[in-house]
């Protein structure tokens, strides 16, 4: 059994259009993930906040890297930045091929601060806090569904 990895990244939304058009594209991203991720052994969560995508993908290293390459080439994402790529003991989002942590137009995240940070320790702490927040949001979102 190969080791599990998780990759957390932030990207700027490059989708042009109205709020409804952006929401439709986010739904398309989720449908694609639900269709493709189980065969890859990928789980994770997606959050859209204030013009940024925040996503965690988990799985075997080669599968995570392959999916991340696809994401980086997706024209809906710009300024893709890895926050964390680490080996993990167990999945945080194992129940979901891609859970939705939420969609909000007004960003409650301090994304620019994370992106501007040059301090690796600060970046790692921000990434860990983001992942923990997404885990809480996914659980809340699932309870409301």
Protein backbone atom coordinates (compact mmCIF):
# COMPACT_ATOMS: atom_id res chain seq x y z
CA UNK A 1 0.00 0.00 0.00
CA UNK A 2 1.40 3.34 -1.02
CA UNK A 3 1.52 6.20 1.42
CA UNK A 4 -1.21 8.84 1.46
CA UNK A 5 -0.56 12.49 0.71
CA UNK A 6 -2.59 15.59 0.91
CA UNK A 7 -2.13 18.73 -1.10
CA UNK A 8 -3.73 22.04 -0.16
CA UNK A 9 -3.68 24.89 -2.64
CA UNK A 10 -5.24 28.27 -3.34
CA UNK A 11 -5.96 29.67 -6.77
CA UNK A 12 -7.53 32.83 -8.02
CA UNK A 13 -10.84 32.47 -9.84
CA UNK A 14 -10.37 33.06 -13.58
CA UNK A 15 -14.02 32.41 -14.47
CA UNK A 16 -15.59 35.41 -16.13
CA UNK A 17 -19.28 36.12 -15.69
CA UNK A 18 -22.06 36.72 -13.24
CA UNK A 19 -22.31 35.15 -9.81
CA UNK A 20 -24.71 32.56 -11.28
CA UNK A 21 -22.25 31.72 -14.07
CA UNK A 22 -19.40 31.31 -11.58
CA UNK A 23 -21.64 29.11 -9.39
CA UNK A 24 -22.50 26.97 -12.43
CA UNK A 25 -18.79 26.46 -13.15
CA UNK A 26 -18.16 25.50 -9.51
CA UNK A 27 -20.97 22.94 -9.80
CA UNK A 28 -19.29 21.65 -12.97
CA UNK A 29 -15.97 21.28 -11.10
CA UNK A 30 -17.75 19.30 -8.38
CA UNK A 31 -19.59 17.05 -10.88
CA UNK A 32 -16.31 16.30 -12.63
CA UNK A 33 -14.64 15.49 -9.29
CA UNK A 34 -17.51 13.22 -8.23
CA UNK A 35 -17.28 11.41 -11.56
CA UNK A 36 -13.47 11.07 -11.80
CA UNK A 37 -11.99 11.09 -8.30
CA UNK A 38 -13.26 7.71 -7.00
CA UNK A 39 -11.42 5.83 -9.77
CA UNK A 40 -8.24 7.74 -8.86
CA UNK A 41 -8.63 7.07 -5.14
CA UNK A 42 -8.85 10.83 -4.55
CA UNK A 43 -10.84 12.49 -1.80
CA UNK A 44 -10.94 16.12 -0.77
CA UNK A 45 -12.83 19.35 -0.29
CA UNK A 46 -13.36 22.56 -2.22
CA UNK A 47 -14.09 26.02 -0.85
CA UNK A 48 -14.81 29.09 -2.96
CA UNK A 49 -14.36 32.31 -1.05
CA UNK A 50 -14.08 35.88 -2.25
CA UNK A 51 -12.77 35.07 -5.71
CA UNK A 52 -10.42 32.29 -4.62
CA UNK A 53 -10.59 28.52 -4.75
CA UNK A 54 -9.18 26.68 -1.76
CA UNK A 55 -8.92 22.96 -2.24
CA UNK A 56 -7.52 19.93 -0.47
CA UNK A 57 -6.90 16.75 -2.44
CA UNK A 58 -5.88 13.48 -0.80
CA UNK A 59 -4.68 10.17 -2.17
CA UNK A 60 -1.61 8.30 -3.33
CA UNK A 61 1.24 10.63 -4.25
CA UNK A 62 1.24 9.96 -7.99
CA UNK A 63 -2.55 10.35 -8.24
CA UNK A 64 -2.51 13.62 -6.26
CA UNK A 65 0.31 14.99 -8.44
CA UNK A 66 -1.48 13.94 -11.64
CA UNK A 67 -4.75 15.60 -10.60
CA UNK A 68 -2.92 18.74 -9.49
CA UNK A 69 -1.28 19.00 -12.93
CA UNK A 70 -4.77 18.93 -14.48
CA UNK A 71 -5.96 21.62 -12.06
CA UNK A 72 -2.99 23.87 -12.83
CA UNK A 73 -3.80 23.67 -16.54
CA UNK A 74 -7.53 24.36 -16.02
CA UNK A 75 -8.27 27.88 -17.36
CA UNK A 76 -10.70 28.47 -14.49
CA UNK A 77 -7.73 28.69 -12.09
CA UNK A 78 -5.07 31.42 -12.05
CA UNK A 79 -2.12 32.06 -9.74
CA UNK A 80 -2.22 28.51 -8.36
CA UNK A 81 -0.16 28.25 -5.19
CA UNK A 82 0.57 25.14 -3.15
CA UNK A 83 0.19 25.76 0.55
CA UNK A 84 0.96 22.27 1.77
CA UNK A 85 1.97 18.93 0.26
CA UNK A 86 2.57 16.41 3.01
CA UNK A 87 2.35 12.73 3.79
CA UNK A 88 -0.61 11.93 6.02
CA UNK A 89 -1.56 9.04 8.29
CA UNK A 90 -5.23 9.12 7.36
CA UNK A 91 -7.59 11.09 5.16
CA UNK A 92 -9.37 14.12 6.53
CA UNK A 93 -12.01 14.01 3.78
CA UNK A 94 -12.12 10.27 3.14
CA UNK A 95 -15.90 10.11 2.88
CA UNK A 96 -16.05 12.52 -0.04
CA UNK A 97 -14.78 12.31 -3.61
CA UNK A 98 -14.97 16.10 -3.36
CA UNK A 99 -16.91 17.76 -0.57
CA UNK A 100 -18.10 21.32 -0.89
CA UNK A 101 -16.92 23.35 2.07
CA UNK A 102 -18.89 26.37 0.85
CA UNK A 103 -19.34 29.08 -1.73
CA UNK A 104 -19.28 32.71 -0.71
CA UNK A 105 -18.78 35.84 -2.75
CA UNK A 106 -17.48 37.89 0.14
CA UNK A 107 -14.25 36.28 1.21
CA UNK A 108 -13.99 35.64 4.91
CA UNK A 109 -10.53 34.16 4.38
CA UNK A 110 -7.42 36.28 4.50
CA UNK A 111 -6.18 34.76 1.25
CA UNK A 112 -4.00 37.66 0.16
CA UNK A 113 -2.11 37.43 3.45
CA UNK A 114 -1.43 33.74 2.85
CA UNK A 115 -0.32 34.37 -0.71
CA UNK A 116 1.95 37.27 0.22
CA UNK A 117 3.72 35.43 3.03
CA UNK A 118 7.36 34.57 2.38
CA UNK A 119 7.77 32.91 5.77
CA UNK A 120 7.61 29.12 5.34
CA UNK A 121 6.59 28.48 8.96
CA UNK A 122 3.83 31.08 8.75
CA UNK A 123 2.70 29.56 5.43
CA UNK A 124 2.58 26.06 6.94
CA UNK A 125 0.55 27.33 9.90
CA UNK A 126 -1.86 29.15 7.57
CA UNK A 127 -2.24 26.02 5.45
CA UNK A 128 -2.94 23.85 8.50
CA UNK A 129 -5.48 26.36 9.79
CA UNK A 130 -7.16 26.43 6.37
CA UNK A 131 -7.39 22.63 6.21
CA UNK A 132 -8.86 22.47 9.72
CA UNK A 133 -11.37 25.21 8.87
CA UNK A 134 -12.39 23.33 5.70
CA UNK A 135 -12.90 20.13 7.71
CA UNK A 136 -15.24 22.02 10.06
CA UNK A 137 -17.09 23.67 7.15
CA UNK A 138 -17.56 20.36 5.33
CA UNK A 139 -19.03 18.77 8.46
CA UNK A 140 -21.38 21.75 8.93
CA UNK A 141 -22.34 21.75 5.24
CA UNK A 142 -23.08 18.00 5.32
CA UNK A 143 -25.27 18.37 8.40
CA UNK A 144 -27.33 21.07 6.66
CA UNK A 145 -27.75 19.03 3.46
